[in-house]
């Protein structure tokens, strides 16, 4: 079972067991959510997407999560080409 713990106009964060789920409310849940281990990472992802910044992390999962969460085609292309 998950409990919503954060919301802004674009994103919701749910606590699900020991993990967190971020959902872009402008996308269908199946296509626009990802799972992360820490709340702080959720907030970093939201900040990066809103500011359209390239992540410092080289983690493939982190970049794929940003792509799933973003609805900006230009930003998705920038992250995909890292």
PDB file of N, CA and C in Angstrom:
ATOM      1  N   UNK A   1       0.838  -1.179   0.000  1.00  0.00           N
ATOM      2  CA  UNK A   1       0.000   0.000   0.000  1.00  0.00           C
ATOM      3  C   UNK A   1       0.882   1.241   0.000  1.00  0.00           C
ATOM      4  N   UNK A   2       0.471   2.270  -0.734  1.00  0.00           N
ATOM      5  CA  UNK A   2       1.254   3.500  -0.797  1.00  0.00           C
ATOM      6  C   UNK A   2       0.451   4.669  -0.235  1.00  0.00           C
ATOM      7  N   UNK A   3       1.195   5.659   0.278  1.00  0.00           N
ATOM      8  CA  UNK A   3       0.598   6.850   0.868  1.00  0.00           C
ATOM      9  C   UNK A   3       1.241   8.068   0.220  1.00  0.00           C
ATOM     10  N   UNK A   4       0.420   8.989  -0.271  1.00  0.00           N
ATOM     11  CA  UNK A   4       0.958  10.207  -0.871  1.00  0.00           C
ATOM     12  C   UNK A   4       1.556  11.077   0.224  1.00  0.00           C
ATOM     13  N   UNK A   5       2.817  11.526   0.002  1.00  0.00           N
ATOM     14  CA  UNK A   5       3.487  12.344   1.008  1.00  0.00           C
ATOM     15  C   UNK A   5       3.903  13.712   0.481  1.00  0.00           C
ATOM     16  N   UNK A   6       3.778  13.945  -0.829  1.00  0.00           N
ATOM     17  CA  UNK A   6       4.173  15.230  -1.418  1.00  0.00           C
ATOM     18  C   UNK A   6       3.371  15.440  -2.686  1.00  0.00           C
ATOM     19  N   UNK A   7       3.056  16.711  -2.952  1.00  0.00           N
ATOM     20  CA  UNK A   7       2.366  17.045  -4.196  1.00  0.00           C
ATOM     21  C   UNK A   7       2.679  18.480  -4.574  1.00  0.00           C
ATOM     22  N   UNK A   8       2.940  18.698  -5.852  1.00  0.00           N
ATOM     23  CA  UNK A   8       2.969  20.033  -6.437  1.00  0.00           C
ATOM     24  C   UNK A   8       2.162  19.930  -7.729  1.00  0.00           C
ATOM     25  N   UNK A   9       2.025  21.004  -8.490  1.00  0.00           N
ATOM     26  CA  UNK A   9       1.164  20.913  -9.687  1.00  0.00           C
ATOM     27  C   UNK A   9       1.597  19.870 -10.726  1.00  0.00           C
ATOM     28  N   UNK A  10       2.864  19.461 -10.708  1.00  0.00           N
ATOM     29  CA  UNK A  10       3.359  18.537 -11.730  1.00  0.00           C
ATOM     30  C   UNK A  10       3.641  17.126 -11.225  1.00  0.00           C
ATOM     31  N   UNK A  11       3.975  16.987  -9.955  1.00  0.00           N
ATOM     32  CA  UNK A  11       4.438  15.696  -9.439  1.00  0.00           C
ATOM     33  C   UNK A  11       3.774  15.333  -8.118  1.00  0.00           C
ATOM     34  N   UNK A  12       3.676  14.021  -7.901  1.00  0.00           N
ATOM     35  CA  UNK A  12       3.261  13.474  -6.612  1.00  0.00           C
ATOM     36  C   UNK A  12       4.317  12.461  -6.196  1.00  0.00           C
ATOM     37  N   UNK A  13       4.557  12.388  -4.892  1.00  0.00           N
ATOM     38  CA  UNK A  13       5.468  11.382  -4.351  1.00  0.00           C
ATOM     39  C   UNK A  13       4.675  10.523  -3.382  1.00  0.00           C
ATOM     40  N   UNK A  14       4.855   9.219  -3.524  1.00  0.00           N
ATOM     41  CA  UNK A  14       4.192   8.252  -2.654  1.00  0.00           C
ATOM     42  C   UNK A  14       5.247   7.461  -1.885  1.00  0.00           C
ATOM     43  N   UNK A  15       4.966   7.168  -0.639  1.00  0.00           N
ATOM     44  CA  UNK A  15       5.792   6.254   0.154  1.00  0.00           C
ATOM     45  C   UNK A  15       5.178   4.872  -0.011  1.00  0.00           C
ATOM     46  N   UNK A  16       5.969   3.943  -0.514  1.00  0.00           N
ATOM     47  CA  UNK A  16       5.470   2.584  -0.776  1.00  0.00           C
ATOM     48  C   UNK A  16       6.444   1.591  -0.163  1.00  0.00           C
ATOM     49  N   UNK A  17       6.113   1.081   1.001  1.00  0.00           N
ATOM     50  CA  UNK A  17       7.034   0.185   1.695  1.00  0.00           C
ATOM     51  C   UNK A  17       8.280   0.951   2.080  1.00  0.00           C
ATOM     52  N   UNK A  18       9.443   0.431   1.702  1.00  0.00           N
ATOM     53  CA  UNK A  18      10.702   1.110   1.993  1.00  0.00           C
ATOM     54  C   UNK A  18      11.163   2.028   0.884  1.00  0.00           C
ATOM     55  N   UNK A  19      10.392   2.142  -0.183  1.00  0.00           N
ATOM     56  CA  UNK A  19      10.766   2.941  -1.349  1.00  0.00           C
ATOM     57  C   UNK A  19       9.811   4.110  -1.542  1.00  0.00           C
ATOM     58  N   UNK A  20      10.107   4.891  -2.583  1.00  0.00           N
ATOM     59  CA  UNK A  20       9.267   6.028  -2.955  1.00  0.00           C
ATOM     60  C   UNK A  20       8.914   5.913  -4.433  1.00  0.00           C
ATOM     61  N   UNK A  21       7.757   6.421  -4.778  1.00  0.00           N
ATOM     62  CA  UNK A  21       7.310   6.456  -6.167  1.00  0.00           C
ATOM     63  C   UNK A  21       7.049   7.910  -6.519  1.00  0.00           C
ATOM     64  N   UNK A  22       7.652   8.364  -7.628  1.00  0.00           N
ATOM     65  CA  UNK A  22       7.387   9.706  -8.145  1.00  0.00           C
ATOM     66  C   UNK A  22       6.511   9.540  -9.375  1.00  0.00           C
ATOM     67  N   UNK A  23       5.479  10.380  -9.487  1.00  0.00           N
ATOM     68  CA  UNK A  23       4.567  10.321 -10.630  1.00  0.00           C
ATOM     69  C   UNK A  23       4.399  11.714 -11.214  1.00  0.00           C
ATOM     70  N   UNK A  24       4.589  11.833 -12.521  1.00  0.00           N
ATOM     71  CA  UNK A  24       4.284  13.069 -13.238  1.00  0.00           C
ATOM     72  C   UNK A  24       2.784  13.055 -13.499  1.00  0.00           C
ATOM     73  N   UNK A  25       2.063  13.993 -12.908  1.00  0.00           N
ATOM     74  CA  UNK A  25       0.604  13.997 -12.998  1.00  0.00           C
ATOM     75  C   UNK A  25       0.097  14.353 -14.391  1.00  0.00           C
ATOM     76  N   UNK A  26       0.986  14.807 -15.284  1.00  0.00           N
ATOM     77  CA  UNK A  26       0.589  15.122 -16.657  1.00  0.00           C
ATOM     78  C   UNK A  26       0.705  13.904 -17.582  1.00  0.00           C
ATOM     79  N   UNK A  27       1.184  12.789 -17.030  1.00  0.00           N
ATOM     80  CA  UNK A  27       1.321  11.559 -17.803  1.00  0.00           C
ATOM     81  C   UNK A  27       0.524  10.455 -17.119  1.00  0.00           C
ATOM     82  N   UNK A  28       0.147   9.446 -17.897  1.00  0.00           N
ATOM     83  CA  UNK A  28      -0.498   8.278 -17.299  1.00  0.00           C
ATOM     84  C   UNK A  28       0.475   7.636 -16.318  1.00  0.00           C
ATOM     85  N   UNK A  29      -0.070   7.095 -15.240  1.00  0.00           N
ATOM     86  CA  UNK A  29       0.788   6.534 -14.193  1.00  0.00           C
ATOM     87  C   UNK A  29       1.755   5.495 -14.752  1.00  0.00           C
ATOM     88  N   UNK A  30       1.269   4.608 -15.584  1.00  0.00           N
ATOM     89  CA  UNK A  30       2.109   3.531 -16.118  1.00  0.00           C
ATOM     90  C   UNK A  30       3.314   4.070 -16.891  1.00  0.00           C
ATOM     91  N   UNK A  31       3.144   5.181 -17.579  1.00  0.00           N
ATOM     92  CA  UNK A  31       4.199   5.739 -18.423  1.00  0.00           C
ATOM     93  C   UNK A  31       5.015   6.820 -17.724  1.00  0.00           C
ATOM     94  N   UNK A  32       4.499   7.393 -16.639  1.00  0.00           N
ATOM     95  CA  UNK A  32       5.134   8.569 -16.046  1.00  0.00           C
ATOM     96  C   UNK A  32       5.460   8.441 -14.579  1.00  0.00           C
ATOM     97  N   UNK A  33       5.939   7.263 -14.166  1.00  0.00           N
ATOM     98  CA  UNK A  33       6.346   7.115 -12.771  1.00  0.00           C
ATOM     99  C   UNK A  33       7.648   6.330 -12.699  1.00  0.00           C
ATOM    100  N   UNK A  34       8.324   6.458 -11.559  1.00  0.00           N
ATOM    101  CA  UNK A  34       9.539   5.687 -11.317  1.00  0.00           C
ATOM    102  C   UNK A  34       9.674   5.421  -9.825  1.00  0.00           C
ATOM    103  N   UNK A  35      10.489   4.434  -9.495  1.00  0.00           N
ATOM    104  CA  UNK A  35      10.718   4.044  -8.104  1.00  0.00           C
ATOM    105  C   UNK A  35      12.129   4.447  -7.692  1.00  0.00           C
ATOM    106  N   UNK A  36      12.262   5.028  -6.501  1.00  0.00           N
ATOM    107  CA  UNK A  36      13.579   5.373  -5.959  1.00  0.00           C
ATOM    108  C   UNK A  36      13.636   4.978  -4.488  1.00  0.00           C
ATOM    109  N   UNK A  37      14.849   4.923  -3.956  1.00  0.00           N
ATOM    110  CA  UNK A  37      15.057   4.459  -2.580  1.00  0.00           C
ATOM    111  C   UNK A  37      14.950   5.570  -1.537  1.00  0.00           C
ATOM    112  N   UNK A  38      15.262   6.828  -1.919  1.00  0.00           N
ATOM    113  CA  UNK A  38      15.325   7.910  -0.931  1.00  0.00           C
ATOM    114  C   UNK A  38      14.468   9.100  -1.347  1.00  0.00           C
ATOM    115  N   UNK A  39      13.852   9.724  -0.348  1.00  0.00           N
ATOM    116  CA  UNK A  39      13.023  10.907  -0.586  1.00  0.00           C
ATOM    117  C   UNK A  39      13.854  12.042  -1.194  1.00  0.00           C
ATOM    118  N   UNK A  40      15.088  12.218  -0.703  1.00  0.00           N
ATOM    119  CA  UNK A  40      15.947  13.291  -1.220  1.00  0.00           C
ATOM    120  C   UNK A  40      16.180  13.144  -2.722  1.00  0.00           C
ATOM    121  N   UNK A  41      16.311  11.929  -3.195  1.00  0.00           N
ATOM    122  CA  UNK A  41      16.510  11.688  -4.628  1.00  0.00           C
ATOM    123  C   UNK A  41      15.261  12.090  -5.406  1.00  0.00           C
ATOM    124  N   UNK A  42      14.098  11.834  -4.833  1.00  0.00           N
ATOM    125  CA  UNK A  42      12.845  12.275  -5.466  1.00  0.00           C
ATOM    126  C   UNK A  42      12.884  13.781  -5.699  1.00  0.00           C
ATOM    127  N   UNK A  43      13.276  14.517  -4.667  1.00  0.00           N
ATOM    128  CA  UNK A  43      13.286  15.972  -4.758  1.00  0.00           C
ATOM    129  C   UNK A  43      14.347  16.468  -5.746  1.00  0.00           C
ATOM    130  N   UNK A  44      15.488  15.798  -5.796  1.00  0.00           N
ATOM    131  CA  UNK A  44      16.532  16.157  -6.766  1.00  0.00           C
ATOM    132  C   UNK A  44      16.006  15.950  -8.183  1.00  0.00           C
ATOM    133  N   UNK A  45      15.338  14.835  -8.424  1.00  0.00           N
ATOM    134  CA  UNK A  45      14.793  14.561  -9.759  1.00  0.00           C
ATOM    135  C   UNK A  45      13.776  15.624 -10.165  1.00  0.00           C
ATOM    136  N   UNK A  46      12.895  15.975  -9.263  1.00  0.00           N
ATOM    137  CA  UNK A  46      11.894  17.002  -9.562  1.00  0.00           C
ATOM    138  C   UNK A  46      12.578  18.325  -9.882  1.00  0.00           C
ATOM    139  N   UNK A  47      13.589  18.692  -9.090  1.00  0.00           N
ATOM    140  CA  UNK A  47      14.314  19.943  -9.317  1.00  0.00           C
ATOM    141  C   UNK A  47      15.002  19.936 -10.682  1.00  0.00           C
ATOM    142  N   UNK A  48      15.675  18.847 -11.018  1.00  0.00           N
ATOM    143  CA  UNK A  48      16.364  18.755 -12.309  1.00  0.00           C
ATOM    144  C   UNK A  48      15.386  18.892 -13.472  1.00  0.00           C
ATOM    145  N   UNK A  49      14.256  18.221 -13.379  1.00  0.00           N
ATOM    146  CA  UNK A  49      13.268  18.266 -14.459  1.00  0.00           C
ATOM    147  C   UNK A  49      12.679  19.665 -14.594  1.00  0.00           C
ATOM    148  N   UNK A  50      12.329  20.286 -13.494  1.00  0.00           N
ATOM    149  CA  UNK A  50      11.722  21.623 -13.549  1.00  0.00           C
ATOM    150  C   UNK A  50      12.699  22.661 -14.099  1.00  0.00           C
ATOM    151  N   UNK A  51      13.989  22.510 -13.761  1.00  0.00           N
ATOM    152  CA  UNK A  51      15.014  23.461 -14.221  1.00  0.00           C
ATOM    153  C   UNK A  51      15.649  23.037 -15.540  1.00  0.00           C
ATOM    154  N   UNK A  52      15.272  21.848 -16.019  1.00  0.00           N
ATOM    155  CA  UNK A  52      15.805  21.288 -17.268  1.00  0.00           C
ATOM    156  C   UNK A  52      17.332  21.186 -17.231  1.00  0.00           C
ATOM    157  N   UNK A  53      17.832  20.714 -16.094  1.00  0.00           N
ATOM    158  CA  UNK A  53      19.268  20.567 -15.898  1.00  0.00           C
ATOM    159  C   UNK A  53      19.704  19.133 -16.172  1.00  0.00           C
ATOM    160  N   UNK A  54      20.922  19.001 -16.661  1.00  0.00           N
ATOM    161  CA  UNK A  54      21.517  17.698 -16.921  1.00  0.00           C
ATOM    162  C   UNK A  54      22.013  17.128 -15.587  1.00  0.00           C
ATOM    163  N   UNK A  55      21.721  15.873 -15.295  1.00  0.00           N
ATOM    164  CA  UNK A  55      22.174  15.296 -14.023  1.00  0.00           C
ATOM    165  C   UNK A  55      23.682  15.058 -14.010  1.00  0.00           C
ATOM    166  N   UNK A  56      24.283  15.192 -12.834  1.00  0.00           N
ATOM    167  CA  UNK A  56      25.697  14.862 -12.676  1.00  0.00           C
ATOM    168  C   UNK A  56      25.887  13.353 -12.632  1.00  0.00           C
ATOM    169  N   UNK A  57      24.865  12.652 -12.186  1.00  0.00           N
ATOM    170  CA  UNK A  57      24.929  11.196 -12.062  1.00  0.00           C
ATOM    171  C   UNK A  57      25.058  10.543 -13.437  1.00  0.00           C
ATOM    172  N   UNK A  58      25.927   9.561 -13.516  1.00  0.00           N
ATOM    173  CA  UNK A  58      26.089   8.789 -14.756  1.00  0.00           C
ATOM    174  C   UNK A  58      25.249   7.512 -14.732  1.00  0.00           C
ATOM    175  N   UNK A  59      24.469   7.336 -13.665  1.00  0.00           N
ATOM    176  CA  UNK A  59      23.650   6.139 -13.511  1.00  0.00           C
ATOM    177  C   UNK A  59      22.612   6.046 -14.626  1.00  0.00           C
ATOM    178  N   UNK A  60      22.604   4.915 -15.301  1.00  0.00           N
ATOM    179  CA  UNK A  60      21.637   4.696 -16.377  1.00  0.00           C
ATOM    180  C   UNK A  60      20.213   4.711 -15.825  1.00  0.00           C
ATOM    181  N   UNK A  61      19.997   4.094 -14.661  1.00  0.00           N
ATOM    182  CA  UNK A  61      18.661   4.064 -14.051  1.00  0.00           C
ATOM    183  C   UNK A  61      18.184   5.476 -13.711  1.00  0.00           C
ATOM    184  N   UNK A  62      19.083   6.304 -13.178  1.00  0.00           N
ATOM    185  CA  UNK A  62      18.726   7.677 -12.823  1.00  0.00           C
ATOM    186  C   UNK A  62      18.288   8.448 -14.072  1.00  0.00           C
ATOM    187  N   UNK A  63      19.076   8.343 -15.142  1.00  0.00           N
ATOM    188  CA  UNK A  63      18.735   9.046 -16.386  1.00  0.00           C
ATOM    189  C   UNK A  63      17.437   8.516 -16.988  1.00  0.00           C
ATOM    190  N   UNK A  64      17.253   7.205 -16.990  1.00  0.00           N
ATOM    191  CA  UNK A  64      16.008   6.628 -17.516  1.00  0.00           C
ATOM    192  C   UNK A  64      14.803   7.067 -16.687  1.00  0.00           C
ATOM    193  N   UNK A  65      14.989   7.222 -15.392  1.00  0.00           N
ATOM    194  CA  UNK A  65      13.910   7.697 -14.524  1.00  0.00           C
ATOM    195  C   UNK A  65      13.533   9.131 -14.872  1.00  0.00           C
ATOM    196  N   UNK A  66      14.528   9.981 -15.113  1.00  0.00           N
ATOM    197  CA  UNK A  66      14.243  11.364 -15.512  1.00  0.00           C
ATOM    198  C   UNK A  66      13.482  11.392 -16.836  1.00  0.00           C
ATOM    199  N   UNK A  67      13.863  10.531 -17.756  1.00  0.00           N
ATOM    200  CA  UNK A  67      13.185  10.458 -19.053  1.00  0.00           C
ATOM    201  C   UNK A  67      11.731  10.037 -18.866  1.00  0.00           C
ATOM    202  N   UNK A  68      11.483   9.049 -18.021  1.00  0.00           N
ATOM    203  CA  UNK A  68      10.106   8.595 -17.759  1.00  0.00           C
ATOM    204  C   UNK A  68       9.267   9.705 -17.127  1.00  0.00           C
ATOM    205  N   UNK A  69       9.892  10.499 -16.258  1.00  0.00           N
ATOM    206  CA  UNK A  69       9.146  11.522 -15.523  1.00  0.00           C
ATOM    207  C   UNK A  69       8.910  12.800 -16.322  1.00  0.00           C
ATOM    208  N   UNK A  70       9.811  13.119 -17.224  1.00  0.00           N
ATOM    209  CA  UNK A  70       9.700  14.379 -17.961  1.00  0.00           C
ATOM    210  C   UNK A  70       8.685  14.274 -19.098  1.00  0.00           C
ATOM    211  N   UNK A  71       8.042  15.401 -19.392  1.00  0.00           N
ATOM    212  CA  UNK A  71       7.162  15.454 -20.563  1.00  0.00           C
ATOM    213  C   UNK A  71       7.667  16.486 -21.575  1.00  0.00           C
ATOM    214  N   UNK A  72       8.911  16.942 -21.392  1.00  0.00           N
ATOM    215  CA  UNK A  72       9.533  17.912 -22.289  1.00  0.00           C
ATOM    216  C   UNK A  72      10.445  17.168 -23.269  1.00  0.00           C
ATOM    217  N   UNK A  73      10.058  17.140 -24.535  1.00  0.00           N
ATOM    218  CA  UNK A  73      10.787  16.378 -25.553  1.00  0.00           C
ATOM    219  C   UNK A  73      12.244  16.838 -25.680  1.00  0.00           C
ATOM    220  N   UNK A  74      12.498  18.151 -25.630  1.00  0.00           N
ATOM    221  CA  UNK A  74      13.871  18.658 -25.751  1.00  0.00           C
ATOM    222  C   UNK A  74      14.735  18.189 -24.581  1.00  0.00           C
ATOM    223  N   UNK A  75      14.180  18.239 -23.381  1.00  0.00           N
ATOM    224  CA  UNK A  75      14.914  17.782 -22.194  1.00  0.00           C
ATOM    225  C   UNK A  75      15.191  16.278 -22.284  1.00  0.00           C
ATOM    226  N   UNK A  76      14.220  15.521 -22.705  1.00  0.00           N
ATOM    227  CA  UNK A  76      14.393  14.074 -22.862  1.00  0.00           C
ATOM    228  C   UNK A  76      15.509  13.785 -23.867  1.00  0.00           C
ATOM    229  N   UNK A  77      15.534  14.517 -24.969  1.00  0.00           N
ATOM    230  CA  UNK A  77      16.585  14.329 -25.974  1.00  0.00           C
ATOM    231  C   UNK A  77      17.965  14.647 -25.400  1.00  0.00           C
ATOM    232  N   UNK A  78      18.066  15.736 -24.613  1.00  0.00           N
ATOM    233  CA  UNK A  78      19.352  16.108 -24.011  1.00  0.00           C
ATOM    234  C   UNK A  78      19.858  15.004 -23.086  1.00  0.00           C
ATOM    235  N   UNK A  79      18.981  14.469 -22.260  1.00  0.00           N
ATOM    236  CA  UNK A  79      19.386  13.423 -21.319  1.00  0.00           C
ATOM    237  C   UNK A  79      19.720  12.127 -22.062  1.00  0.00           C
ATOM    238  N   UNK A  80      18.987  11.837 -23.102  1.00  0.00           N
ATOM    239  CA  UNK A  80      19.209  10.606 -23.869  1.00  0.00           C
ATOM    240  C   UNK A  80      20.569  10.596 -24.550  1.00  0.00           C
ATOM    241  N   UNK A  81      21.097  11.769 -24.852  1.00  0.00           N
ATOM    242  CA  UNK A  81      22.355  11.871 -25.590  1.00  0.00           C
ATOM    243  C   UNK A  81      23.571  12.072 -24.698  1.00  0.00           C
ATOM    244  N   UNK A  82      23.448  11.785 -23.411  1.00  0.00           N
ATOM    245  CA  UNK A  82      24.592  11.932 -22.499  1.00  0.00           C
ATOM    246  C   UNK A  82      25.533  10.762 -22.710  1.00  0.00           C
TER     247      UNK A  82
END
